[in-house]
N, C-alpha and C. Protein backbone atom coordinates (compact mmCIF):
# COMPACT_ATOMS: atom_id res chain seq x y z
N MET A 1 102.37 113.04 92.70
CA MET A 1 102.18 111.50 93.24
C MET A 1 101.61 110.79 91.40
N SER A 2 101.89 109.43 91.69
CA SER A 2 101.55 108.95 90.09
C SER A 2 100.58 108.29 90.16
N CYS A 3 99.52 107.71 91.10
CA CYS A 3 98.80 106.92 91.58
C CYS A 3 97.24 107.51 91.91
N GLY A 4 96.63 108.06 93.24
CA GLY A 4 95.44 108.64 93.15
C GLY A 4 94.76 107.61 93.52
N ALA A 5 94.73 106.42 93.39
CA ALA A 5 93.34 105.45 93.25
C ALA A 5 93.10 105.45 94.93
N CYS A 6 93.51 105.45 95.75
CA CYS A 6 92.77 106.32 97.10
C CYS A 6 91.74 106.70 96.90
N CYS A 7 92.28 108.01 96.06
CA CYS A 7 90.75 109.01 96.13
C CYS A 7 89.73 108.56 95.60
N ALA A 8 89.66 107.67 94.05
CA ALA A 8 88.76 107.05 93.53
C ALA A 8 88.01 105.80 93.76
N ALA A 9 87.95 105.21 94.88
CA ALA A 9 87.28 104.11 95.77
C ALA A 9 87.16 103.72 96.88
N PHE A 10 87.04 105.16 97.82
CA PHE A 10 86.81 105.22 99.43
C PHE A 10 85.72 106.46 99.06
N ARG A 11 84.65 106.12 99.85
CA ARG A 11 83.96 107.43 100.33
C ARG A 11 84.61 108.02 101.66
N VAL A 12 84.90 109.26 101.62
CA VAL A 12 85.34 109.69 102.64
C VAL A 12 84.52 110.58 103.36
N THR A 13 84.39 110.25 104.81
CA THR A 13 83.73 110.47 105.36
C THR A 13 83.99 111.23 107.09
N PHE A 14 84.07 112.49 107.01
CA PHE A 14 84.90 113.26 108.81
C PHE A 14 83.46 113.53 109.13
N HIS A 15 84.15 114.45 110.87
CA HIS A 15 83.05 115.22 111.63
C HIS A 15 83.11 116.48 110.64
N ARG A 16 81.99 117.17 111.08
CA ARG A 16 82.01 118.73 110.10
C ARG A 16 82.80 119.46 111.13
N SER A 17 83.34 119.01 111.93
CA SER A 17 83.81 120.61 112.29
C SER A 17 85.47 120.83 111.51
N GLU A 18 85.68 119.29 110.78
CA GLU A 18 86.70 120.07 110.20
C GLU A 18 86.38 121.06 108.79
N LEU A 19 85.03 121.01 108.83
CA LEU A 19 84.65 121.94 107.44
C LEU A 19 85.24 123.17 107.79
N ASP A 20 85.51 123.93 106.82
CA ASP A 20 85.71 125.61 106.79
C ASP A 20 84.86 126.49 107.77
N SER A 21 83.80 126.05 107.47
CA SER A 21 82.64 126.83 107.49
C SER A 21 82.33 126.65 109.33
N GLU A 22 82.90 125.37 109.97
CA GLU A 22 82.72 125.39 111.48
C GLU A 22 83.86 125.57 111.78
N GLY A 23 85.15 126.67 111.36
CA GLY A 23 86.34 126.31 112.08
C GLY A 23 87.72 125.47 111.54
N GLY A 24 87.52 124.53 110.50
CA GLY A 24 88.49 123.73 110.52
C GLY A 24 88.83 124.12 108.92
N LEU A 25 89.28 123.28 108.13
CA LEU A 25 90.41 123.46 106.98
C LEU A 25 89.79 123.29 105.60
N VAL A 26 88.68 122.09 105.81
CA VAL A 26 88.14 121.48 104.36
C VAL A 26 87.27 122.47 103.81
N PRO A 27 87.60 122.63 102.99
CA PRO A 27 86.56 123.68 102.12
C PRO A 27 85.00 123.72 101.49
N SER A 28 84.35 123.97 102.65
CA SER A 28 82.73 123.24 103.13
C SER A 28 82.13 122.90 100.78
N GLY A 29 82.35 123.82 100.39
CA GLY A 29 82.05 123.62 98.85
C GLY A 29 82.27 122.33 98.24
N LEU A 30 83.20 122.00 99.11
CA LEU A 30 84.11 120.37 98.33
C LEU A 30 82.79 119.31 99.00
N ALA A 31 82.06 119.50 99.82
CA ALA A 31 81.27 118.43 100.66
C ALA A 31 80.15 118.46 101.24
N ASP A 32 79.89 117.48 101.07
CA ASP A 32 77.85 117.11 101.51
C ASP A 32 78.12 116.53 103.42
N LEU A 33 76.82 117.45 103.62
CA LEU A 33 76.35 117.22 104.88
C LEU A 33 75.89 115.63 104.51
N GLU A 34 76.47 114.58 105.99
CA GLU A 34 75.70 113.35 105.69
C GLU A 34 74.65 112.75 106.92
N THR A 35 75.47 113.95 108.22
CA THR A 35 73.84 113.58 109.82
C THR A 35 74.60 115.31 110.25
N ALA A 36 73.77 115.20 111.30
CA ALA A 36 74.14 116.72 112.25
C ALA A 36 75.88 116.76 112.01
N SER A 37 76.19 115.38 112.37
CA SER A 37 78.35 115.69 112.78
C SER A 37 78.89 115.01 112.10
N LEU A 38 77.79 114.84 110.63
CA LEU A 38 79.13 113.97 109.43
C LEU A 38 78.87 114.51 107.96
N ALA A 39 80.56 114.85 107.94
CA ALA A 39 80.38 115.59 105.93
C ALA A 39 81.13 114.22 104.71
N ARG A 40 81.07 114.08 103.68
CA ARG A 40 81.84 113.56 103.13
C ARG A 40 81.97 114.43 102.04
N LEU A 41 83.53 114.18 101.40
CA LEU A 41 84.07 114.69 100.06
C LEU A 41 83.14 114.57 99.17
N ARG A 42 82.94 115.62 98.68
CA ARG A 42 82.42 115.36 97.12
C ARG A 42 82.96 114.22 96.28
N GLY A 43 81.97 113.61 95.58
CA GLY A 43 82.49 112.12 94.79
C GLY A 43 82.66 111.24 95.64
N THR A 44 82.77 110.71 96.54
CA THR A 44 83.10 109.81 96.67
C THR A 44 82.45 108.91 97.38
N ASP A 45 81.06 109.43 97.11
CA ASP A 45 79.61 108.23 97.70
C ASP A 45 79.10 107.89 96.44
N TYR A 46 79.54 107.44 95.35
CA TYR A 46 78.61 106.93 94.58
C TYR A 46 79.84 105.59 93.90
N ALA A 47 78.98 104.14 93.47
CA ALA A 47 79.65 103.39 92.84
C ALA A 47 80.46 103.44 92.25
N ASN A 48 81.23 104.41 91.44
CA ASN A 48 82.10 104.95 91.37
C ASN A 48 83.08 105.79 91.27
N PRO A 49 83.44 105.94 92.74
CA PRO A 49 84.03 107.45 93.07
C PRO A 49 84.74 107.89 92.89
N ARG A 50 84.63 109.42 92.35
CA ARG A 50 86.07 109.99 92.71
C ARG A 50 85.78 111.08 93.59
N CYS A 51 87.06 111.24 94.54
CA CYS A 51 86.81 113.18 95.09
C CYS A 51 87.23 113.99 94.03
N ARG A 52 86.13 115.33 94.35
CA ARG A 52 86.51 115.76 93.11
C ARG A 52 87.49 116.95 93.63
N ALA A 53 88.26 116.48 94.58
CA ALA A 53 89.28 117.37 94.71
C ALA A 53 91.10 116.57 93.90
N LEU A 54 90.25 116.06 93.39
CA LEU A 54 91.58 115.04 92.74
C LEU A 54 91.61 115.78 91.32
N VAL A 55 93.17 115.83 91.26
CA VAL A 55 93.09 116.79 89.43
C VAL A 55 94.10 115.52 88.91
N GLY A 56 93.35 114.94 87.73
CA GLY A 56 94.74 114.13 86.91
C GLY A 56 94.34 112.58 86.85
N LYS A 57 94.95 112.19 85.76
CA LYS A 57 94.39 111.27 85.92
C LYS A 57 95.45 109.51 86.79
N ILE A 58 94.62 108.76 86.87
CA ILE A 58 94.74 107.88 87.87
C ILE A 58 96.19 107.18 87.34
N GLY A 59 97.08 107.10 88.51
CA GLY A 59 97.69 105.91 87.81
C GLY A 59 99.03 106.83 86.97
N GLU A 60 98.80 107.77 87.14
CA GLU A 60 99.90 108.70 85.92
C GLU A 60 100.29 109.84 86.16
N GLU A 61 99.28 110.84 86.58
CA GLU A 61 99.59 111.96 87.19
C GLU A 61 98.84 112.64 87.59
N VAL A 62 98.39 112.31 89.34
CA VAL A 62 97.62 113.42 89.65
C VAL A 62 98.55 113.76 91.25
N HIS A 63 97.60 114.98 91.70
CA HIS A 63 97.14 115.35 93.15
C HIS A 63 96.48 115.91 93.38
N CYS A 64 96.02 116.26 94.98
CA CYS A 64 95.17 116.87 95.74
C CYS A 64 95.08 118.14 95.61
N GLY A 65 93.83 118.48 94.55
CA GLY A 65 93.71 120.22 94.95
C GLY A 65 93.58 120.74 96.47
N ILE A 66 92.95 119.78 97.43
CA ILE A 66 92.96 120.51 98.63
C ILE A 66 94.31 119.71 99.69
N TYR A 67 95.55 119.56 99.43
CA TYR A 67 96.48 118.41 99.99
C TYR A 67 96.39 119.18 101.29
N LYS A 68 96.73 120.51 101.56
CA LYS A 68 97.06 121.06 103.04
C LYS A 68 95.62 120.99 103.79
N GLU A 69 94.56 121.41 103.14
CA GLU A 69 93.18 121.35 103.60
C GLU A 69 92.35 120.27 103.42
N ARG A 70 93.12 118.72 103.32
CA ARG A 70 92.03 117.28 103.24
C ARG A 70 91.85 117.28 104.91
N PRO A 71 90.65 116.12 105.03
CA PRO A 71 90.27 115.67 106.05
C PRO A 71 91.05 114.72 106.91
N SER A 72 91.34 114.36 107.70
CA SER A 72 91.66 113.53 108.24
C SER A 72 91.59 111.88 108.04
N PRO A 73 90.69 111.94 107.24
CA PRO A 73 90.36 110.37 106.90
C PRO A 73 91.32 110.13 105.84
N CYS A 74 91.62 110.89 104.77
CA CYS A 74 92.97 111.42 104.10
C CYS A 74 93.79 111.46 103.98
N ARG A 75 94.25 112.20 105.80
CA ARG A 75 95.73 112.61 106.32
C ARG A 75 95.91 110.72 107.05
N GLU A 76 95.19 109.84 107.66
CA GLU A 76 95.11 109.01 107.90
C GLU A 76 95.57 107.89 107.33
N PHE A 77 95.05 107.99 106.05
CA PHE A 77 95.22 106.99 105.10
C PHE A 77 96.50 106.25 104.62
N ALA A 78 97.26 104.70 104.27
CA ALA A 78 98.98 104.78 103.96
C ALA A 78 99.24 105.28 104.74
N PRO A 79 99.57 105.51 105.99
CA PRO A 79 100.27 106.46 107.19
C PRO A 79 101.83 105.73 106.68
N ARG A 80 102.40 104.37 106.27
CA ARG A 80 103.16 104.61 106.21
C ARG A 80 104.22 104.02 104.62
N SER A 81 102.96 105.03 103.30
CA SER A 81 103.50 104.57 102.54
C SER A 81 104.97 105.50 101.86
N ALA A 82 104.99 106.73 102.80
CA ALA A 82 106.34 107.45 102.66
C ALA A 82 107.50 106.57 102.94
N ILE A 83 107.22 105.31 103.88
CA ILE A 83 108.87 104.88 104.14
C ILE A 83 108.62 103.35 103.23
N GLY A 84 107.48 103.11 102.06
CA GLY A 84 107.67 102.27 102.04
C GLY A 84 106.49 100.97 101.94
N VAL A 85 106.12 101.13 103.35
CA VAL A 85 105.01 100.22 103.57
C VAL A 85 103.47 100.20 103.40
N TYR A 86 102.89 99.62 102.85
CA TYR A 86 101.59 99.68 101.90
C TYR A 86 100.56 98.52 102.66
N ASP A 87 99.65 99.35 103.10
CA ASP A 87 98.44 98.72 103.49
C ASP A 87 97.85 97.58 102.54
N ASP A 88 96.55 96.68 102.96
CA ASP A 88 95.82 96.21 101.87
C ASP A 88 94.74 96.93 101.46
N ALA A 89 94.68 97.93 101.91
CA ALA A 89 93.62 99.04 101.29
C ALA A 89 93.97 99.69 99.93
N CYS A 90 95.47 100.38 100.20
CA CYS A 90 95.80 100.91 99.39
C CYS A 90 95.80 99.70 97.84
N ASN A 91 96.13 98.77 98.32
CA ASN A 91 96.10 97.46 97.15
C ASN A 91 95.30 97.40 96.26
N ARG A 92 94.16 97.24 97.44
CA ARG A 92 92.61 97.01 97.04
C ARG A 92 92.26 98.23 95.93
N ALA A 93 92.50 99.78 96.34
CA ALA A 93 91.91 100.81 95.56
C ALA A 93 92.98 100.49 94.26
N ARG A 94 94.02 100.19 94.05
CA ARG A 94 94.82 100.05 92.98
C ARG A 94 94.60 99.25 92.02
N ALA A 95 94.08 98.25 92.37
CA ALA A 95 93.69 96.84 91.72
C ALA A 95 91.93 97.57 91.05
N ARG A 96 91.59 98.54 91.74
CA ARG A 96 90.26 98.38 91.13
C ARG A 96 90.58 99.59 90.04
N HIS A 97 91.58 99.74 89.45
CA HIS A 97 91.72 100.96 88.48
C HIS A 97 92.95 99.94 88.00
N GLY A 98 93.18 99.16 88.03
CA GLY A 98 93.90 98.12 87.19
C GLY A 98 95.23 98.73 87.46
N LEU A 99 95.60 98.82 88.67
CA LEU A 99 97.14 99.09 88.99
C LEU A 99 98.07 97.86 89.60
N PRO A 100 99.07 97.79 89.27
CA PRO A 100 99.48 96.42 90.12
C PRO A 100 99.58 96.91 91.71
N PRO A 101 99.88 95.85 92.33
CA PRO A 101 100.03 95.90 93.72
C PRO A 101 101.29 96.63 93.90
N LEU A 102 101.68 96.93 95.18
CA LEU A 102 102.62 97.76 95.89
C LEU A 102 103.31 96.51 96.51
N GLU A 103 104.47 96.33 96.88
CA GLU A 103 104.99 95.56 97.44
C GLU A 103 104.78 95.52 99.08
N LEU A 104 104.19 94.94 99.79
CA LEU A 104 104.29 94.95 101.27
C LEU A 104 104.87 94.48 102.13
């Protein structure tokens, strides 16, 4: 990956059943509980968010340190990007980091 902007632009909230401590896959050490049923990835709840699982420099070379274990919002974000179809949220994240928009 050369972008990673989405990993440093949005809050990532998911059901706590996705945590490994609850039988899921997401490492519990990378999440904080929000409510009795919701958790969020650490680092994504700040004015300048950046997921703690993101490794590398945005816009240059990055990867997800928990790609296989990432929560559902990460799996569901920009599902058509692999075929060259990008949504507005992707380009908003890119703009936040001074990256040019991708063709829609």
